[in-house]
Each structure stands twice: as C-alpha cells, then as structure tokens.
Amino acid sequence: MAAKIRKGDRVIVITGRDKGKTGQVLKVMPDEGRAIVQGVNIVKRHKRQTQREQGGIVSKEGPIHLSNISLVDPKSSAATRVGFKILADGRKVRFAKASGETIDG
C-alpha cells in the first residue's frame, strides 16, 4: 500500500497537545505508525557530555502518531484527507480530497 504521508510533506496536527501546529515531516516510521514533524511534540532529553559534544538538556522533536496529523491542502492550507488516482500516463499520484489538487508533481 502506498503511504499517505511521506517525508517532506506539510502536515497539520489535528488533535493533542500541539493541535493546530503545522510543520514539515522529517521522518516517517511506517512500522510504528508514527512520524517526526518539525517543531511539533517537542520533548526534553538529558544528554551526557562526550569528548566532542557538550552535555545538558536538549530539546528535540518526538514521534507523533499518524492518526493525529493530516496533510495540508495546497490550495486552502487547511487539513485534508488524501486519495489516490491514476493519471492518463499511468502514474499513481496522491490528491487532496477537499480541493482535488494533486500533491505529487
């Protein structure tokens, strides 16, 4: 099955602590059903000092479940569902169900 959300997509958080925030997908983990989104679900981690790096408390993005994010419609900049269609030249592309706009070039 083709993935509805891929690395590089602009998504919006539809539920949870960061509801309404938008960001770019940095990494998708399909086995766990999670994704890491830039600027969303920020967690603090304690990092030990090494010879090369300074130690301390580091803020970084934590994974968020795929059911809690939705793709941003390229036309209206609102959350949209994703559909698949096959073009005349045989390519399978994703499209925004709200506007009908294709997402993949």
C-alpha atoms as a PDB file:
ATOM      1  CA  MET A   1       0.000   0.000   0.000  1.00  0.00           C
ATOM      2  CA  ALA A   2       1.274   3.471  -0.830  1.00  0.00           C
ATOM      3  CA  ALA A   3       1.904   5.817   2.090  1.00  0.00           C
ATOM      4  CA  LYS A   4      -0.485   8.721   2.500  1.00  0.00           C
ATOM      5  CA  ILE A   5       2.069  10.829   4.397  1.00  0.00           C
ATOM      6  CA  ARG A   6       5.657  10.978   3.206  1.00  0.00           C
ATOM      7  CA  LYS A   7       8.907  12.711   4.157  1.00  0.00           C
ATOM      8  CA  GLY A   8       8.847  16.374   3.113  1.00  0.00           C
ATOM      9  CA  ASP A   9       5.041  16.789   3.262  1.00  0.00           C
ATOM     10  CA  ARG A  10       3.485  19.772   5.052  1.00  0.00           C
ATOM     11  CA  VAL A  11       1.134  18.490   7.756  1.00  0.00           C
ATOM     12  CA  ILE A  12      -1.102  19.930  10.470  1.00  0.00           C
ATOM     13  CA  VAL A  13      -1.704  18.432  13.910  1.00  0.00           C
ATOM     14  CA  ILE A  14      -5.433  17.723  14.276  1.00  0.00           C
ATOM     15  CA  THR A  15      -5.540  16.542  17.888  1.00  0.00           C
ATOM     16  CA  GLY A  16      -3.456  16.543  21.060  1.00  0.00           C
ATOM     17  CA  ARG A  17      -1.209  18.987  22.872  1.00  0.00           C
ATOM     18  CA  ASP A  18       0.107  20.625  19.671  1.00  0.00           C
ATOM     19  CA  LYS A  19      -3.273  20.888  17.892  1.00  0.00           C
ATOM     20  CA  GLY A  20      -3.203  23.470  15.073  1.00  0.00           C
ATOM     21  CA  LYS A  21       0.580  23.499  14.623  1.00  0.00           C
ATOM     22  CA  THR A  22       1.947  22.874  11.154  1.00  0.00           C
ATOM     23  CA  GLY A  23       5.331  21.536  10.136  1.00  0.00           C
ATOM     24  CA  GLN A  24       7.278  19.513   7.633  1.00  0.00           C
ATOM     25  CA  VAL A  25       7.635  15.735   8.008  1.00  0.00           C
ATOM     26  CA  LEU A  26      11.270  14.897   8.776  1.00  0.00           C
ATOM     27  CA  LYS A  27      10.924  11.129   9.089  1.00  0.00           C
ATOM     28  CA  VAL A  28       8.158   8.531   8.730  1.00  0.00           C
ATOM     29  CA  MET A  29       8.211   5.256  10.674  1.00  0.00           C
ATOM     30  CA  PRO A  30       5.553   3.095   8.976  1.00  0.00           C
ATOM     31  CA  ASP A  31       6.182   0.027  11.178  1.00  0.00           C
ATOM     32  CA  GLU A  32       5.256   2.002  14.308  1.00  0.00           C
ATOM     33  CA  GLY A  33       2.670   4.200  12.531  1.00  0.00           C
ATOM     34  CA  ARG A  34       4.442   7.373  13.614  1.00  0.00           C
ATOM     35  CA  ALA A  35       6.184  10.387  12.099  1.00  0.00           C
ATOM     36  CA  ILE A  36       8.573  13.080  13.285  1.00  0.00           C
ATOM     37  CA  VAL A  37       7.338  16.559  12.374  1.00  0.00           C
ATOM     38  CA  GLN A  38       9.491  19.694  12.563  1.00  0.00           C
ATOM     39  CA  GLY A  39       8.551  21.909  15.542  1.00  0.00           C
ATOM     40  CA  VAL A  40       5.859  19.533  16.849  1.00  0.00           C
ATOM     41  CA  ASN A  41       5.831  17.353  20.006  1.00  0.00           C
ATOM     42  CA  ILE A  42       8.995  18.904  21.447  1.00  0.00           C
ATOM     43  CA  VAL A  43      10.471  16.763  24.253  1.00  0.00           C
ATOM     44  CA  LYS A  44      13.452  17.398  26.529  1.00  0.00           C
ATOM     45  CA  ARG A  45      16.207  14.808  26.742  1.00  0.00           C
ATOM     46  CA  HIS A  46      19.166  14.757  29.155  1.00  0.00           C
ATOM     47  CA  LYS A  47      22.366  14.247  27.199  1.00  0.00           C
ATOM     48  CA  ARG A  48      25.634  13.104  28.723  1.00  0.00           C
ATOM     49  CA  GLN A  49      28.767  15.066  27.898  1.00  0.00           C
ATOM     50  CA  THR A  50      31.221  13.437  25.483  1.00  0.00           C
ATOM     51  CA  GLN A  51      34.658  14.421  24.234  1.00  0.00           C
ATOM     52  CA  ARG A  52      33.095  16.102  21.190  1.00  0.00           C
ATOM     53  CA  GLU A  53      29.740  17.400  22.483  1.00  0.00           C
ATOM     54  CA  GLN A  54      28.597  19.432  25.439  1.00  0.00           C
ATOM     55  CA  GLY A  55      26.126  17.765  27.806  1.00  0.00           C
ATOM     56  CA  GLY A  56      22.898  19.194  29.166  1.00  0.00           C
ATOM     57  CA  ILE A  57      19.179  19.247  28.469  1.00  0.00           C
ATOM     58  CA  VAL A  58      18.396  19.066  24.745  1.00  0.00           C
ATOM     59  CA  SER A  59      15.011  19.827  23.151  1.00  0.00           C
ATOM     60  CA  LYS A  60      14.108  17.731  20.120  1.00  0.00           C
ATOM     61  CA  GLU A  61      11.075  16.507  18.183  1.00  0.00           C
ATOM     62  CA  GLY A  62       9.406  13.338  19.386  1.00  0.00           C
ATOM     63  CA  PRO A  63       7.390  10.979  17.186  1.00  0.00           C
ATOM     64  CA  ILE A  64       3.667  11.649  16.747  1.00  0.00           C
ATOM     65  CA  HIS A  65       1.067   9.099  15.681  1.00  0.00           C
ATOM     66  CA  LEU A  66      -0.057   9.266  12.036  1.00  0.00           C
ATOM     67  CA  SER A  67      -3.715   9.400  13.111  1.00  0.00           C
ATOM     68  CA  ASN A  68      -3.033  12.732  14.856  1.00  0.00           C
ATOM     69  CA  ILE A  69      -1.708  14.535  11.769  1.00  0.00           C
ATOM     70  CA  SER A  70      -3.315  15.416   8.455  1.00  0.00           C
ATOM     71  CA  LEU A  71      -1.915  16.636   5.163  1.00  0.00           C
ATOM     72  CA  VAL A  72      -2.234  20.370   4.413  1.00  0.00           C
ATOM     73  CA  ASP A  73      -4.282  21.187   1.293  1.00  0.00           C
ATOM     74  CA  PRO A  74      -2.032  23.032  -1.215  1.00  0.00           C
ATOM     75  CA  LYS A  75      -4.947  25.300  -2.241  1.00  0.00           C
ATOM     76  CA  SER A  76      -6.644  26.264   1.037  1.00  0.00           C
ATOM     77  CA  SER A  77      -3.896  25.500   3.613  1.00  0.00           C
ATOM     78  CA  ALA A  78      -6.426  23.515   5.682  1.00  0.00           C
ATOM     79  CA  ALA A  79      -6.362  19.863   6.746  1.00  0.00           C
ATOM     80  CA  THR A  80      -7.466  17.413   4.068  1.00  0.00           C
ATOM     81  CA  ARG A  81      -7.794  13.706   3.513  1.00  0.00           C
ATOM     82  CA  VAL A  82      -5.654  12.007   0.878  1.00  0.00           C
ATOM     83  CA  GLY A  83      -6.826   9.969  -2.079  1.00  0.00           C
ATOM     84  CA  PHE A  84      -5.069   8.172  -4.907  1.00  0.00           C
ATOM     85  CA  LYS A  85      -5.760   8.368  -8.620  1.00  0.00           C
ATOM     86  CA  ILE A  86      -4.056   7.105 -11.745  1.00  0.00           C
ATOM     87  CA  LEU A  87      -3.222   9.706 -14.381  1.00  0.00           C
ATOM     88  CA  ALA A  88      -3.518   9.242 -18.145  1.00  0.00           C
ATOM     89  CA  ASP A  89       0.196   8.443 -18.409  1.00  0.00           C
ATOM     90  CA  GLY A  90      -0.162   5.603 -15.867  1.00  0.00           C
ATOM     91  CA  ARG A  91       1.362   7.309 -12.823  1.00  0.00           C
ATOM     92  CA  LYS A  92      -0.325   6.814  -9.444  1.00  0.00           C
ATOM     93  CA  VAL A  93      -0.469  10.152  -7.594  1.00  0.00           C
ATOM     94  CA  ARG A  94      -1.893  11.442  -4.319  1.00  0.00           C
ATOM     95  CA  PHE A  95      -4.538  14.162  -4.348  1.00  0.00           C
ATOM     96  CA  ALA A  96      -6.264  16.320  -1.732  1.00  0.00           C
ATOM     97  CA  LYS A  97      -9.870  15.185  -1.374  1.00  0.00           C
ATOM     98  CA  ALA A  98     -11.019  18.653  -0.254  1.00  0.00           C
ATOM     99  CA  SER A  99      -9.883  20.536  -3.385  1.00  0.00           C
ATOM    100  CA  GLY A 100      -8.989  17.791  -5.860  1.00  0.00           C
ATOM    101  CA  GLU A 101      -5.491  19.266  -6.231  1.00  0.00           C
ATOM    102  CA  THR A 102      -2.679  16.752  -6.911  1.00  0.00           C
ATOM    103  CA  ILE A 103       0.008  16.593  -4.263  1.00  0.00           C
ATOM    104  CA  ASP A 104       2.707  14.696  -6.159  1.00  0.00           C
ATOM    105  CA  GLY A 105       4.158  16.588  -9.125  1.00  0.00           C
END
